[in-house]
């Protein structure tokens, strides 16, 4: 009887932990499964619709939800993609963030957040240094 009580007690302790872990992972899974559509304008003026996977360095994606850079201080500032309307290229390894609230922020690019990772209309995976584009305009889902 003591063995049955021990098994039942241990099961009741594990179940809430498992449910908490699953619940905690839901926002992350939802964020990873959602796609971000954007209109990419190249330096030569050519445009294409892309599905943004994230930003990172030349080796891998560092973030699927935000871009980081140096806005006003020596520390990295983070800006969520869902708060940005458009990213425009600027001189000297900088970009101009046009925010949805109408504000504009100049951001010095950090090496870990300067490469766009995206899928083209044909579905192929691509990388592009932010300094090599003209703009990236986020397209609202309807």
Protein backbone atom coordinates (compact mmCIF):
# COMPACT_ATOMS: atom_id res chain seq x y z
CA UNK A 1 0.00 0.00 0.00
CA UNK A 2 2.88 2.36 0.78
CA UNK A 3 4.28 1.71 -2.69
CA UNK A 4 0.98 2.66 -4.35
CA UNK A 5 0.79 5.89 -2.31
CA UNK A 6 4.38 6.75 -3.25
CA UNK A 7 3.67 6.21 -6.96
CA UNK A 8 0.48 8.28 -6.83
CA UNK A 9 2.23 11.07 -4.92
CA UNK A 10 5.18 11.21 -7.32
CA UNK A 11 2.80 11.28 -10.29
CA UNK A 12 0.88 14.19 -8.82
CA UNK A 13 4.14 16.12 -8.40
CA UNK A 14 5.36 15.46 -11.93
CA UNK A 15 2.11 16.31 -13.77
CA UNK A 16 2.04 20.02 -12.80
CA UNK A 17 5.68 20.40 -13.83
CA UNK A 18 5.01 18.82 -17.21
CA UNK A 19 1.93 21.00 -17.76
CA UNK A 20 3.87 24.13 -16.75
CA UNK A 21 6.71 23.28 -19.13
CA UNK A 22 4.32 22.72 -22.04
CA UNK A 23 2.47 25.95 -21.30
CA UNK A 24 5.71 27.91 -21.06
CA UNK A 25 6.80 26.64 -24.48
CA UNK A 26 3.57 27.61 -26.28
CA UNK A 27 4.48 31.29 -26.91
CA UNK A 28 7.91 30.26 -28.19
CA UNK A 29 6.41 27.67 -30.52
CA UNK A 30 3.79 30.15 -31.76
CA UNK A 31 6.46 32.77 -32.42
CA UNK A 32 8.61 30.28 -34.31
CA UNK A 33 5.74 28.99 -36.42
CA UNK A 34 4.44 32.41 -37.43
CA UNK A 35 5.87 33.82 -40.63
CA UNK A 36 6.80 37.40 -41.27
CA UNK A 37 6.13 38.61 -44.80
CA UNK A 38 8.14 41.55 -46.08
CA UNK A 39 8.87 43.44 -49.28
CA UNK A 40 12.62 43.48 -49.86
CA UNK A 41 13.96 46.27 -52.06
CA UNK A 42 17.50 45.71 -53.29
CA UNK A 43 20.07 48.46 -53.86
CA UNK A 44 19.34 48.35 -57.63
CA UNK A 45 15.61 48.94 -57.01
CA UNK A 46 14.47 45.38 -57.69
CA UNK A 47 11.78 44.20 -55.25
CA UNK A 48 10.65 40.78 -54.08
CA UNK A 49 8.28 39.40 -51.49
CA UNK A 50 10.09 37.32 -48.86
CA UNK A 51 9.29 35.32 -45.74
CA UNK A 52 11.65 36.55 -43.03
CA UNK A 53 13.18 33.82 -40.87
CA UNK A 54 15.25 36.15 -38.68
CA UNK A 55 18.52 38.02 -38.40
CA UNK A 56 21.96 36.89 -37.34
CA UNK A 57 25.58 36.67 -38.40
CA UNK A 58 26.96 34.91 -41.48
CA UNK A 59 26.93 31.57 -39.63
CA UNK A 60 23.45 31.35 -38.07
CA UNK A 61 20.24 33.10 -37.04
CA UNK A 62 20.50 34.88 -33.70
CA UNK A 63 16.88 36.04 -33.42
CA UNK A 64 13.57 35.30 -35.12
CA UNK A 65 11.67 38.09 -33.34
CA UNK A 66 13.91 41.16 -33.06
CA UNK A 67 16.88 43.08 -34.36
CA UNK A 68 19.60 44.39 -32.08
CA UNK A 69 22.10 47.18 -32.60
CA UNK A 70 23.53 50.30 -31.06
CA UNK A 71 21.03 53.16 -30.98
CA UNK A 72 22.40 55.63 -28.45
CA UNK A 73 24.62 53.75 -26.06
CA UNK A 74 27.44 51.25 -25.93
CA UNK A 75 24.99 48.48 -25.04
CA UNK A 76 22.83 46.60 -27.54
CA UNK A 77 19.27 47.84 -27.94
CA UNK A 78 16.56 45.42 -29.09
CA UNK A 79 13.64 46.26 -31.39
CA UNK A 80 10.87 43.72 -32.00
CA UNK A 81 9.97 43.04 -35.63
CA UNK A 82 6.28 43.47 -34.84
CA UNK A 83 6.94 47.10 -33.77
CA UNK A 84 8.85 47.96 -36.97
CA UNK A 85 7.18 49.13 -40.16
CA UNK A 86 10.30 49.39 -42.30
CA UNK A 87 14.09 48.98 -42.14
CA UNK A 88 16.03 51.25 -44.49
CA UNK A 89 19.72 51.06 -45.29
CA UNK A 90 21.83 54.01 -44.14
CA UNK A 91 25.50 54.95 -44.67
CA UNK A 92 28.37 53.57 -42.59
CA UNK A 93 26.91 50.21 -41.50
CA UNK A 94 23.72 51.71 -40.10
CA UNK A 95 20.01 51.20 -40.71
CA UNK A 96 17.04 53.45 -40.13
CA UNK A 97 14.16 51.80 -38.30
CA UNK A 98 10.77 53.32 -39.13
CA UNK A 99 8.59 52.23 -36.25
CA UNK A 100 4.82 51.60 -36.46
CA UNK A 101 4.25 54.43 -33.98
CA UNK A 102 5.85 56.87 -36.45
CA UNK A 103 9.19 57.32 -34.70
CA UNK A 104 12.50 56.77 -36.47
CA UNK A 105 15.63 55.30 -34.96
CA UNK A 106 19.09 55.04 -36.45
CA UNK A 107 20.80 51.81 -35.49
CA UNK A 108 24.48 50.92 -35.90
CA UNK A 109 24.65 47.31 -37.03
CA UNK A 110 26.12 44.67 -34.74
CA UNK A 111 27.94 41.73 -36.38
CA UNK A 112 25.52 39.25 -34.76
CA UNK A 113 22.43 41.02 -36.15
CA UNK A 114 23.39 42.24 -39.61
CA UNK A 115 22.41 39.35 -41.90
CA UNK A 116 18.80 38.75 -42.98
CA UNK A 117 17.69 35.14 -43.26
CA UNK A 118 14.67 34.65 -45.50
CA UNK A 119 12.87 32.44 -47.99
CA UNK A 120 12.32 33.86 -51.45
CA UNK A 121 9.06 33.51 -53.40
CA UNK A 122 10.44 30.32 -54.95
CA UNK A 123 11.02 28.88 -51.47
CA UNK A 124 14.81 28.93 -51.54
CA UNK A 125 16.67 29.93 -48.38
CA UNK A 126 18.71 33.11 -48.68
CA UNK A 127 20.98 35.38 -46.66
CA UNK A 128 21.59 39.09 -47.23
CA UNK A 129 23.71 41.61 -45.36
CA UNK A 130 21.47 44.52 -44.31
CA UNK A 131 23.96 47.00 -45.78
CA UNK A 132 23.40 45.46 -49.26
CA UNK A 133 19.66 46.24 -49.43
CA UNK A 134 17.71 49.44 -49.86
CA UNK A 135 14.80 48.56 -47.55
CA UNK A 136 12.74 45.84 -45.92
CA UNK A 137 9.09 46.75 -45.43
CA UNK A 138 6.99 44.50 -43.22
CA UNK A 139 3.71 43.44 -44.80
CA UNK A 140 0.68 43.26 -42.52
CA UNK A 141 -1.27 40.01 -42.54
CA UNK A 142 -4.96 40.38 -43.32
